[in-house]
mmCIF file of all heavy atoms, coordinates in Angstrom:
data_MODEL
# 
_entry.id   MODEL 
# 
loop_
_atom_site.group_PDB 
_atom_site.id 
_atom_site.type_symbol 
_atom_site.label_atom_id 
_atom_site.label_alt_id 
_atom_site.label_comp_id 
_atom_site.label_asym_id 
_atom_site.label_entity_id 
_atom_site.label_seq_id 
_atom_site.pdbx_PDB_ins_code 
_atom_site.Cartn_x 
_atom_site.Cartn_y 
_atom_site.Cartn_z 
_atom_site.occupancy 
_atom_site.B_iso_or_equiv 
_atom_site.pdbx_formal_charge 
_atom_site.auth_seq_id 
_atom_site.auth_comp_id 
_atom_site.auth_asym_id 
_atom_site.auth_atom_id 
_atom_site.pdbx_PDB_model_num 
ATOM 1   N N   . PHE A 1 1  ? 125.658 104.800 80.289 1.00 0.00 ? 1  PHE A N   1 
ATOM 2   C CA  . PHE A 1 1  ? 125.186 104.105 81.488 1.00 0.00 ? 1  PHE A CA  1 
ATOM 3   C C   . PHE A 1 1  ? 123.860 104.693 81.959 1.00 0.00 ? 1  PHE A C   1 
ATOM 4   O O   . PHE A 1 1  ? 123.664 105.907 81.911 1.00 0.00 ? 1  PHE A O   1 
ATOM 5   C CB  . PHE A 1 1  ? 126.203 104.239 82.636 1.00 0.00 ? 1  PHE A CB  1 
ATOM 6   C CG  . PHE A 1 1  ? 127.346 103.264 82.546 1.00 0.00 ? 1  PHE A CG  1 
ATOM 7   C CD1 . PHE A 1 1  ? 128.551 103.643 81.963 1.00 0.00 ? 1  PHE A CD1 1 
ATOM 8   C CD2 . PHE A 1 1  ? 127.213 101.974 83.047 1.00 0.00 ? 1  PHE A CD2 1 
ATOM 9   C CE1 . PHE A 1 1  ? 129.608 102.751 81.890 1.00 0.00 ? 1  PHE A CE1 1 
ATOM 10  C CE2 . PHE A 1 1  ? 128.273 101.075 82.974 1.00 0.00 ? 1  PHE A CE2 1 
ATOM 11  C CZ  . PHE A 1 1  ? 129.462 101.465 82.395 1.00 0.00 ? 1  PHE A CZ  1 
ATOM 12  N N   . LYS A 1 2  ? 122.981 103.828 82.453 1.00 0.00 ? 2  LYS A N   1 
ATOM 13  C CA  . LYS A 1 2  ? 121.721 104.257 83.078 1.00 0.00 ? 2  LYS A CA  1 
ATOM 14  C C   . LYS A 1 2  ? 121.440 103.332 84.243 1.00 0.00 ? 2  LYS A C   1 
ATOM 15  O O   . LYS A 1 2  ? 121.926 102.205 84.288 1.00 0.00 ? 2  LYS A O   1 
ATOM 16  C CB  . LYS A 1 2  ? 120.552 104.155 82.089 1.00 0.00 ? 2  LYS A CB  1 
ATOM 17  C CG  . LYS A 1 2  ? 120.604 105.163 80.982 1.00 0.00 ? 2  LYS A CG  1 
ATOM 18  C CD  . LYS A 1 2  ? 119.361 105.988 80.974 1.00 0.00 ? 2  LYS A CD  1 
ATOM 19  C CE  . LYS A 1 2  ? 119.513 107.070 79.920 1.00 0.00 ? 2  LYS A CE  1 
ATOM 20  N NZ  . LYS A 1 2  ? 118.324 107.747 79.644 1.00 0.00 ? 2  LYS A NZ  1 
ATOM 21  N N   . GLU A 1 3  ? 120.601 103.805 85.165 1.00 0.00 ? 3  GLU A N   1 
ATOM 22  C CA  . GLU A 1 3  ? 120.150 102.974 86.279 1.00 0.00 ? 3  GLU A CA  1 
ATOM 23  C C   . GLU A 1 3  ? 118.632 102.962 86.273 1.00 0.00 ? 3  GLU A C   1 
ATOM 24  O O   . GLU A 1 3  ? 117.995 104.022 86.276 1.00 0.00 ? 3  GLU A O   1 
ATOM 25  C CB  . GLU A 1 3  ? 120.649 103.534 87.608 1.00 0.00 ? 3  GLU A CB  1 
ATOM 26  C CG  . GLU A 1 3  ? 120.206 102.705 88.799 1.00 0.00 ? 3  GLU A CG  1 
ATOM 27  C CD  . GLU A 1 3  ? 120.571 103.334 90.131 1.00 0.00 ? 3  GLU A CD  1 
ATOM 28  O OE1 . GLU A 1 3  ? 121.652 103.953 90.231 1.00 0.00 ? 3  GLU A OE1 1 
ATOM 29  O OE2 . GLU A 1 3  ? 119.765 103.219 91.063 1.00 0.00 ? 3  GLU A OE2 1 
ATOM 30  N N   . TYR A 1 4  ? 118.059 101.788 86.281 1.00 0.00 ? 4  TYR A N   1 
ATOM 31  C CA  . TYR A 1 4  ? 116.608 101.677 86.200 1.00 0.00 ? 4  TYR A CA  1 
ATOM 32  C C   . TYR A 1 4  ? 115.928 102.451 87.324 1.00 0.00 ? 4  TYR A C   1 
ATOM 33  O O   . TYR A 1 4  ? 115.033 103.254 87.098 1.00 0.00 ? 4  TYR A O   1 
ATOM 34  C CB  . TYR A 1 4  ? 116.175 100.201 86.265 1.00 0.00 ? 4  TYR A CB  1 
ATOM 35  C CG  . TYR A 1 4  ? 114.673 100.025 86.096 1.00 0.00 ? 4  TYR A CG  1 
ATOM 36  C CD1 . TYR A 1 4  ? 114.119 99.878  84.839 1.00 0.00 ? 4  TYR A CD1 1 
ATOM 37  C CD2 . TYR A 1 4  ? 113.828 100.035 87.192 1.00 0.00 ? 4  TYR A CD2 1 
ATOM 38  C CE1 . TYR A 1 4  ? 112.750 99.747  84.678 1.00 0.00 ? 4  TYR A CE1 1 
ATOM 39  C CE2 . TYR A 1 4  ? 112.463 99.915  87.042 1.00 0.00 ? 4  TYR A CE2 1 
ATOM 40  C CZ  . TYR A 1 4  ? 111.922 99.762  85.781 1.00 0.00 ? 4  TYR A CZ  1 
ATOM 41  O OH  . TYR A 1 4  ? 110.567 99.645  85.625 1.00 0.00 ? 4  TYR A OH  1 
ATOM 42  N N   . HIS A 1 5  ? 116.356 102.232 88.564 1.00 0.00 ? 5  HIS A N   1 
ATOM 43  C CA  . HIS A 1 5  ? 115.683 102.829 89.724 1.00 0.00 ? 5  HIS A CA  1 
ATOM 44  C C   . HIS A 1 5  ? 115.703 104.353 89.672 1.00 0.00 ? 5  HIS A C   1 
ATOM 45  O O   . HIS A 1 5  ? 114.733 105.003 90.055 1.00 0.00 ? 5  HIS A O   1 
ATOM 46  C CB  . HIS A 1 5  ? 116.345 102.321 91.008 1.00 0.00 ? 5  HIS A CB  1 
ATOM 47  C CG  . HIS A 1 5  ? 115.535 102.577 92.233 1.00 0.00 ? 5  HIS A CG  1 
ATOM 48  N ND1 . HIS A 1 5  ? 115.835 103.597 93.099 1.00 0.00 ? 5  HIS A ND1 1 
ATOM 49  C CD2 . HIS A 1 5  ? 114.441 101.959 92.733 1.00 0.00 ? 5  HIS A CD2 1 
ATOM 50  C CE1 . HIS A 1 5  ? 114.957 103.592 94.091 1.00 0.00 ? 5  HIS A CE1 1 
ATOM 51  N NE2 . HIS A 1 5  ? 114.108 102.607 93.899 1.00 0.00 ? 5  HIS A NE2 1 
ATOM 52  N N   . LEU A 1 6  ? 116.799 104.948 89.188 1.00 0.00 ? 6  LEU A N   1 
ATOM 53  C CA  . LEU A 1 6  ? 116.895 106.409 89.144 1.00 0.00 ? 6  LEU A CA  1 
ATOM 54  C C   . LEU A 1 6  ? 116.396 107.000 87.832 1.00 0.00 ? 6  LEU A C   1 
ATOM 55  O O   . LEU A 1 6  ? 115.862 108.103 87.804 1.00 0.00 ? 6  LEU A O   1 
ATOM 56  C CB  . LEU A 1 6  ? 118.351 106.852 89.343 1.00 0.00 ? 6  LEU A CB  1 
ATOM 57  C CG  . LEU A 1 6  ? 118.946 106.648 90.724 1.00 0.00 ? 6  LEU A CG  1 
ATOM 58  C CD1 . LEU A 1 6  ? 120.411 107.054 90.716 1.00 0.00 ? 6  LEU A CD1 1 
ATOM 59  C CD2 . LEU A 1 6  ? 118.176 107.449 91.761 1.00 0.00 ? 6  LEU A CD2 1 
ATOM 60  N N   . ASP A 1 7  ? 116.579 106.279 86.731 1.00 0.00 ? 7  ASP A N   1 
ATOM 61  C CA  . ASP A 1 7  ? 116.338 106.864 85.411 1.00 0.00 ? 7  ASP A CA  1 
ATOM 62  C C   . ASP A 1 7  ? 115.023 106.455 84.752 1.00 0.00 ? 7  ASP A C   1 
ATOM 63  O O   . ASP A 1 7  ? 114.686 106.961 83.695 1.00 0.00 ? 7  ASP A O   1 
ATOM 64  C CB  . ASP A 1 7  ? 117.489 106.493 84.462 1.00 0.00 ? 7  ASP A CB  1 
ATOM 65  C CG  . ASP A 1 7  ? 118.818 107.060 84.944 1.00 0.00 ? 7  ASP A CG  1 
ATOM 66  O OD1 . ASP A 1 7  ? 118.828 108.179 85.475 1.00 0.00 ? 7  ASP A OD1 1 
ATOM 67  O OD2 . ASP A 1 7  ? 119.845 106.371 84.790 1.00 0.00 ? 7  ASP A OD2 1 
ATOM 68  N N   . VAL A 1 8  ? 114.281 105.528 85.358 1.00 0.00 ? 8  VAL A N   1 
ATOM 69  C CA  . VAL A 1 8  ? 113.055 105.059 84.722 1.00 0.00 ? 8  VAL A CA  1 
ATOM 70  C C   . VAL A 1 8  ? 112.057 106.210 84.560 1.00 0.00 ? 8  VAL A C   1 
ATOM 71  O O   . VAL A 1 8  ? 111.914 107.050 85.443 1.00 0.00 ? 8  VAL A O   1 
ATOM 72  C CB  . VAL A 1 8  ? 112.417 103.878 85.500 1.00 0.00 ? 8  VAL A CB  1 
ATOM 73  C CG1 . VAL A 1 8  ? 111.892 104.314 86.853 1.00 0.00 ? 8  VAL A CG1 1 
ATOM 74  C CG2 . VAL A 1 8  ? 111.329 103.215 84.681 1.00 0.00 ? 8  VAL A CG2 1 
ATOM 75  N N   . GLU A 1 9  ? 111.444 106.271 83.387 1.00 0.00 ? 9  GLU A N   1 
ATOM 76  C CA  . GLU A 1 9  ? 110.392 107.250 83.129 1.00 0.00 ? 9  GLU A CA  1 
ATOM 77  C C   . GLU A 1 9  ? 109.053 106.553 83.260 1.00 0.00 ? 9  GLU A C   1 
ATOM 78  O O   . GLU A 1 9  ? 108.855 105.470 82.732 1.00 0.00 ? 9  GLU A O   1 
ATOM 79  C CB  . GLU A 1 9  ? 110.547 107.837 81.723 1.00 0.00 ? 9  GLU A CB  1 
ATOM 80  C CG  . GLU A 1 9  ? 111.747 108.745 81.616 1.00 0.00 ? 9  GLU A CG  1 
ATOM 81  C CD  . GLU A 1 9  ? 111.896 109.330 80.213 1.00 0.00 ? 9  GLU A CD  1 
ATOM 82  O OE1 . GLU A 1 9  ? 110.896 109.412 79.495 1.00 0.00 ? 9  GLU A OE1 1 
ATOM 83  O OE2 . GLU A 1 9  ? 113.032 109.671 79.875 1.00 0.00 ? 9  GLU A OE2 1 
ATOM 84  N N   . LEU A 1 10 ? 108.161 107.185 83.983 1.00 0.00 ? 10 LEU A N   1 
ATOM 85  C CA  . LEU A 1 10 ? 106.865 106.585 84.250 1.00 0.00 ? 10 LEU A CA  1 
ATOM 86  C C   . LEU A 1 10 ? 105.853 106.967 83.175 1.00 0.00 ? 10 LEU A C   1 
ATOM 87  O O   . LEU A 1 10 ? 105.835 108.104 82.719 1.00 0.00 ? 10 LEU A O   1 
ATOM 88  C CB  . LEU A 1 10 ? 106.336 107.042 85.608 1.00 0.00 ? 10 LEU A CB  1 
ATOM 89  C CG  . LEU A 1 10 ? 107.270 106.845 86.797 1.00 0.00 ? 10 LEU A CG  1 
ATOM 90  C CD1 . LEU A 1 10 ? 106.607 107.350 88.070 1.00 0.00 ? 10 LEU A CD1 1 
ATOM 91  C CD2 . LEU A 1 10 ? 107.669 105.404 86.939 1.00 0.00 ? 10 LEU A CD2 1 
ATOM 92  N N   . GLY A 1 11 ? 105.010 106.024 82.822 1.00 0.00 ? 11 GLY A N   1 
ATOM 93  C CA  . GLY A 1 11 ? 103.897 106.303 81.934 1.00 0.00 ? 11 GLY A CA  1 
ATOM 94  C C   . GLY A 1 11 ? 102.645 106.500 82.768 1.00 0.00 ? 11 GLY A C   1 
ATOM 95  O O   . GLY A 1 11 ? 102.566 106.022 83.900 1.00 0.00 ? 11 GLY A O   1 
ATOM 96  N N   . PRO A 1 12 ? 101.657 107.211 82.235 1.00 0.00 ? 12 PRO A N   1 
ATOM 97  C CA  . PRO A 1 12 ? 100.414 107.389 82.997 1.00 0.00 ? 12 PRO A CA  1 
ATOM 98  C C   . PRO A 1 12 ? 99.681  106.058 83.140 1.00 0.00 ? 12 PRO A C   1 
ATOM 99  O O   . PRO A 1 12 ? 99.746  105.212 82.256 1.00 0.00 ? 12 PRO A O   1 
ATOM 100 C CB  . PRO A 1 12 ? 99.610  108.379 82.161 1.00 0.00 ? 12 PRO A CB  1 
ATOM 101 C CG  . PRO A 1 12 ? 100.226 108.393 80.821 1.00 0.00 ? 12 PRO A CG  1 
ATOM 102 C CD  . PRO A 1 12 ? 101.635 107.906 80.953 1.00 0.00 ? 12 PRO A CD  1 
ATOM 103 N N   . PRO A 1 13 ? 98.995  105.872 84.263 1.00 0.00 ? 13 PRO A N   1 
ATOM 104 C CA  . PRO A 1 13 ? 98.257  104.629 84.454 1.00 0.00 ? 13 PRO A CA  1 
ATOM 105 C C   . PRO A 1 13 ? 96.976  104.610 83.628 1.00 0.00 ? 13 PRO A C   1 
ATOM 106 O O   . PRO A 1 13 ? 96.535  105.638 83.116 1.00 0.00 ? 13 PRO A O   1 
ATOM 107 C CB  . PRO A 1 13 ? 97.937  104.646 85.954 1.00 0.00 ? 13 PRO A CB  1 
ATOM 108 C CG  . PRO A 1 13 ? 97.888  106.093 86.310 1.00 0.00 ? 13 PRO A CG  1 
ATOM 109 C CD  . PRO A 1 13 ? 98.881  106.773 85.406 1.00 0.00 ? 13 PRO A CD  1 
ATOM 110 N N   . VAL A 1 14 ? 96.389  103.430 83.522 1.00 0.00 ? 14 VAL A N   1 
ATOM 111 C CA  . VAL A 1 14 ? 95.124  103.258 82.810 1.00 0.00 ? 14 VAL A CA  1 
ATOM 112 C C   . VAL A 1 14 ? 94.016  103.162 83.865 1.00 0.00 ? 14 VAL A C   1 
ATOM 113 O O   . VAL A 1 14 ? 94.146  102.421 84.843 1.00 0.00 ? 14 VAL A O   1 
ATOM 114 C CB  . VAL A 1 14 ? 95.145  101.970 81.954 1.00 0.00 ? 14 VAL A CB  1 
ATOM 115 C CG1 . VAL A 1 14 ? 93.815  101.736 81.282 1.00 0.00 ? 14 VAL A CG1 1 
ATOM 116 C CG2 . VAL A 1 14 ? 96.275  102.061 80.923 1.00 0.00 ? 14 VAL A CG2 1 
ATOM 117 N N   . LEU A 1 15 ? 92.944  103.910 83.664 1.00 0.00 ? 15 LEU A N   1 
ATOM 118 C CA  . LEU A 1 15 ? 91.840  103.930 84.626 1.00 0.00 ? 15 LEU A CA  1 
ATOM 119 C C   . LEU A 1 15 ? 90.677  103.082 84.130 1.00 0.00 ? 15 LEU A C   1 
ATOM 120 O O   . LEU A 1 15 ? 90.319  103.145 82.954 1.00 0.00 ? 15 LEU A O   1 
ATOM 121 C CB  . LEU A 1 15 ? 91.319  105.356 84.823 1.00 0.00 ? 15 LEU A CB  1 
ATOM 122 C CG  . LEU A 1 15 ? 92.298  106.390 85.347 1.00 0.00 ? 15 LEU A CG  1 
ATOM 123 C CD1 . LEU A 1 15 ? 91.626  107.750 85.454 1.00 0.00 ? 15 LEU A CD1 1 
ATOM 124 C CD2 . LEU A 1 15 ? 92.834  105.980 86.685 1.00 0.00 ? 15 LEU A CD2 1 
ATOM 125 N N   . ALA A 1 16 ? 90.094  102.314 85.035 1.00 0.00 ? 16 ALA A N   1 
ATOM 126 C CA  . ALA A 1 16 ? 88.847  101.597 84.769 1.00 0.00 ? 16 ALA A CA  1 
ATOM 127 C C   . ALA A 1 16 ? 87.853  102.101 85.816 1.00 0.00 ? 16 ALA A C   1 
ATOM 128 O O   . ALA A 1 16 ? 88.100  101.986 87.018 1.00 0.00 ? 16 ALA A O   1 
ATOM 129 C CB  . ALA A 1 16 ? 89.048  100.094 84.875 1.00 0.00 ? 16 ALA A CB  1 
ATOM 130 N N   . VAL A 1 17 ? 86.768  102.686 85.360 1.00 0.00 ? 17 VAL A N   1 
ATOM 131 C CA  . VAL A 1 17 ? 85.817  103.335 86.253 1.00 0.00 ? 17 VAL A CA  1 
ATOM 132 C C   . VAL A 1 17 ? 84.476  102.610 86.205 1.00 0.00 ? 17 VAL A C   1 
ATOM 133 O O   . VAL A 1 17 ? 83.952  102.336 85.125 1.00 0.00 ? 17 VAL A O   1 
ATOM 134 C CB  . VAL A 1 17 ? 85.631  104.821 85.841 1.00 0.00 ? 17 VAL A CB  1 
ATOM 135 C CG1 . VAL A 1 17 ? 84.624  105.513 86.750 1.00 0.00 ? 17 VAL A CG1 1 
ATOM 136 C CG2 . VAL A 1 17 ? 86.962  105.553 85.859 1.00 0.00 ? 17 VAL A CG2 1 
ATOM 137 N N   . ARG A 1 18 ? 83.955  102.296 87.382 1.00 0.00 ? 18 ARG A N   1 
ATOM 138 C CA  . ARG A 1 18 ? 82.601  101.722 87.490 1.00 0.00 ? 18 ARG A CA  1 
ATOM 139 C C   . ARG A 1 18 ? 81.773  102.638 88.367 1.00 0.00 ? 18 ARG A C   1 
ATOM 140 O O   . ARG A 1 18 ? 82.210  103.022 89.459 1.00 0.00 ? 18 ARG A O   1 
ATOM 141 C CB  . ARG A 1 18 ? 82.647  100.315 88.074 1.00 0.00 ? 18 ARG A CB  1 
ATOM 142 C CG  . ARG A 1 18 ? 83.189  99.295  87.086 1.00 0.00 ? 18 ARG A CG  1 
ATOM 143 C CD  . ARG A 1 18 ? 83.081  97.908  87.626 1.00 0.00 ? 18 ARG A CD  1 
ATOM 144 N NE  . ARG A 1 18 ? 83.838  97.849  88.887 1.00 0.00 ? 18 ARG A NE  1 
ATOM 145 C CZ  . ARG A 1 18 ? 83.908  96.800  89.669 1.00 0.00 ? 18 ARG A CZ  1 
ATOM 146 N NH1 . ARG A 1 18 ? 83.268  95.709  89.378 1.00 0.00 ? 18 ARG A NH1 1 
ATOM 147 N NH2 . ARG A 1 18 ? 84.629  96.810  90.771 1.00 0.00 ? 18 ARG A NH2 1 
ATOM 148 N N   . ILE A 1 19 ? 80.587  102.961 87.899 1.00 0.00 ? 19 ILE A N   1 
ATOM 149 C CA  . ILE A 1 19 ? 79.711  103.860 88.641 1.00 0.00 ? 19 ILE A CA  1 
ATOM 150 C C   . ILE A 1 19 ? 78.605  103.039 89.291 1.00 0.00 ? 19 ILE A C   1 
ATOM 151 O O   . ILE A 1 19 ? 77.916  102.266 88.622 1.00 0.00 ? 19 ILE A O   1 
ATOM 152 C CB  . ILE A 1 19 ? 79.117  104.935 87.704 1.00 0.00 ? 19 ILE A CB  1 
ATOM 153 C CG1 . ILE A 1 19 ? 80.267  105.746 87.095 1.00 0.00 ? 19 ILE A CG1 1 
ATOM 154 C CG2 . ILE A 1 19 ? 78.148  105.828 88.458 1.00 0.00 ? 19 ILE A CG2 1 
ATOM 155 C CD1 . ILE A 1 19 ? 79.862  106.655 85.982 1.00 0.00 ? 19 ILE A CD1 1 
ATOM 156 N N   . LYS A 1 20 ? 78.471  103.190 90.601 1.00 0.00 ? 20 LYS A N   1 
ATOM 157 C CA  . LYS A 1 20 ? 77.409  102.551 91.371 1.00 0.00 ? 20 LYS A CA  1 
ATOM 158 C C   . LYS A 1 20 ? 76.470  103.654 91.840 1.00 0.00 ? 20 LYS A C   1 
ATOM 159 O O   . LYS A 1 20 ? 76.685  104.828 91.568 1.00 0.00 ? 20 LYS A O   1 
ATOM 160 C CB  . LYS A 1 20 ? 77.993  101.777 92.568 1.00 0.00 ? 20 LYS A CB  1 
ATOM 161 C CG  . LYS A 1 20 ? 79.007  100.717 92.172 1.00 0.00 ? 20 LYS A CG  1 
ATOM 162 C CD  . LYS A 1 20 ? 78.355  99.577  91.442 1.00 0.00 ? 20 LYS A CD  1 
ATOM 163 C CE  . LYS A 1 20 ? 79.373  98.485  91.140 1.00 0.00 ? 20 LYS A CE  1 
ATOM 164 N NZ  . LYS A 1 20 ? 78.843  97.439  90.323 1.00 0.00 ? 20 LYS A NZ  1 
ATOM 165 N N   . GLU A 1 21 ? 75.438  103.296 92.587 1.00 0.00 ? 21 GLU A N   1 
ATOM 166 C CA  . GLU A 1 21 ? 74.448  104.298 93.007 1.00 0.00 ? 21 GLU A CA  1 
ATOM 167 C C   . GLU A 1 21 ? 75.030  105.383 93.898 1.00 0.00 ? 21 GLU A C   1 
ATOM 168 O O   . GLU A 1 21 ? 74.739  106.560 93.723 1.00 0.00 ? 21 GLU A O   1 
ATOM 169 C CB  . GLU A 1 21 ? 73.276  103.617 93.710 1.00 0.00 ? 21 GLU A CB  1 
ATOM 170 C CG  . GLU A 1 21 ? 72.364  102.903 92.727 1.00 0.00 ? 21 GLU A CG  1 
ATOM 171 C CD  . GLU A 1 21 ? 71.143  102.324 93.407 1.00 0.00 ? 21 GLU A CD  1 
ATOM 172 O OE1 . GLU A 1 21 ? 70.790  102.778 94.510 1.00 0.00 ? 21 GLU A OE1 1 
ATOM 173 O OE2 . GLU A 1 21 ? 70.551  101.399 92.820 1.00 0.00 ? 21 GLU A OE2 1 
ATOM 174 N N   . THR A 1 22 ? 75.877  105.008 94.857 1.00 0.00 ? 22 THR A N   1 
ATOM 175 C CA  . THR A 1 22 ? 76.382  106.009 95.803 1.00 0.00 ? 22 THR A CA  1 
ATOM 176 C C   . THR A 1 22 ? 77.896  106.158 95.785 1.00 0.00 ? 22 THR A C   1 
ATOM 177 O O   . THR A 1 22 ? 78.463  106.842 96.621 1.00 0.00 ? 22 THR A O   1 
ATOM 178 C CB  . THR A 1 22 ? 75.946  105.653 97.245 1.00 0.00 ? 22 THR A CB  1 
ATOM 179 O OG1 . THR A 1 22 ? 76.479  104.364 97.563 1.00 0.00 ? 22 THR A OG1 1 
ATOM 180 C CG2 . THR A 1 22 ? 74.435  105.665 97.390 1.00 0.00 ? 22 THR A CG2 1 
ATOM 181 N N   . PHE A 1 23 ? 78.555  105.494 94.841 1.00 0.00 ? 23 PHE A N   1 
ATOM 182 C CA  . PHE A 1 23 ? 80.011  105.634 94.780 1.00 0.00 ? 23 PHE A CA  1 
ATOM 183 C C   . PHE A 1 23 ? 80.541  105.330 93.367 1.00 0.00 ? 23 PHE A C   1 
ATOM 184 O O   . PHE A 1 23 ? 79.861  104.741 92.543 1.00 0.00 ? 23 PHE A O   1 
ATOM 185 C CB  . PHE A 1 23 ? 80.703  104.751 95.829 1.00 0.00 ? 23 PHE A CB  1 
ATOM 186 C CG  . PHE A 1 23 ? 80.504  103.271 95.644 1.00 0.00 ? 23 PHE A CG  1 
ATOM 187 C CD1 . PHE A 1 23 ? 81.384  102.528 94.878 1.00 0.00 ? 23 PHE A CD1 1 
ATOM 188 C CD2 . PHE A 1 23 ? 79.423  102.617 96.239 1.00 0.00 ? 23 PHE A CD2 1 
ATOM 189 C CE1 . PHE A 1 23 ? 81.213  101.164 94.712 1.00 0.00 ? 23 PHE A CE1 1 
ATOM 190 C CE2 . PHE A 1 23 ? 79.247  101.263 96.078 1.00 0.00 ? 23 PHE A CE2 1 
ATOM 191 C CZ  . PHE A 1 23 ? 80.136  100.529 95.306 1.00 0.00 ? 23 PHE A CZ  1 
ATOM 192 N N   . ILE A 1 24 ? 81.769  105.775 93.166 1.00 0.00 ? 24 ILE A N   1 
ATOM 193 C CA  . ILE A 1 24 ? 82.516  105.471 91.943 1.00 0.00 ? 24 ILE A CA  1 
ATOM 194 C C   . ILE A 1 24 ? 83.692  104.604 92.378 1.00 0.00 ? 24 ILE A C   1 
ATOM 195 O O   . ILE A 1 24 ? 84.401  104.942 93.339 1.00 0.00 ? 24 ILE A O   1 
ATOM 196 C CB  . ILE A 1 24 ? 83.053  106.755 91.267 1.00 0.00 ? 24 ILE A CB  1 
ATOM 197 C CG1 . ILE A 1 24 ? 81.908  107.674 90.852 1.00 0.00 ? 24 ILE A CG1 1 
ATOM 198 C CG2 . ILE A 1 24 ? 83.929  106.410 90.069 1.00 0.00 ? 24 ILE A CG2 1 
ATOM 199 C CD1 . ILE A 1 24 ? 82.376  109.040 90.364 1.00 0.00 ? 24 ILE A CD1 1 
ATOM 200 N N   . LEU A 1 25 ? 83.894  103.492 91.695 1.00 0.00 ? 25 LEU A N   1 
ATOM 201 C CA  . LEU A 1 25 ? 85.027  102.616 91.988 1.00 0.00 ? 25 LEU A CA  1 
ATOM 202 C C   . LEU A 1 25 ? 86.046  102.773 90.862 1.00 0.00 ? 25 LEU A C   1 
ATOM 203 O O   . LEU A 1 25 ? 85.721  102.574 89.692 1.00 0.00 ? 25 LEU A O   1 
ATOM 204 C CB  . LEU A 1 25 ? 84.563  101.162 92.088 1.00 0.00 ? 25 LEU A CB  1 
ATOM 205 C CG  . LEU A 1 25 ? 85.589  100.178 92.637 1.00 0.00 ? 25 LEU A CG  1 
ATOM 206 C CD1 . LEU A 1 25 ? 85.977  100.539 94.065 1.00 0.00 ? 25 LEU A CD1 1 
ATOM 207 C CD2 . LEU A 1 25 ? 85.041  98.762  92.597 1.00 0.00 ? 25 LEU A CD2 1 
# 
């Protein structure tokens, strides 16, 4: 038996980075 809410393992998120003149989004 397993429960999704308690037993789910998280994977790392994927980052999308945009560089502007005075900030990083």
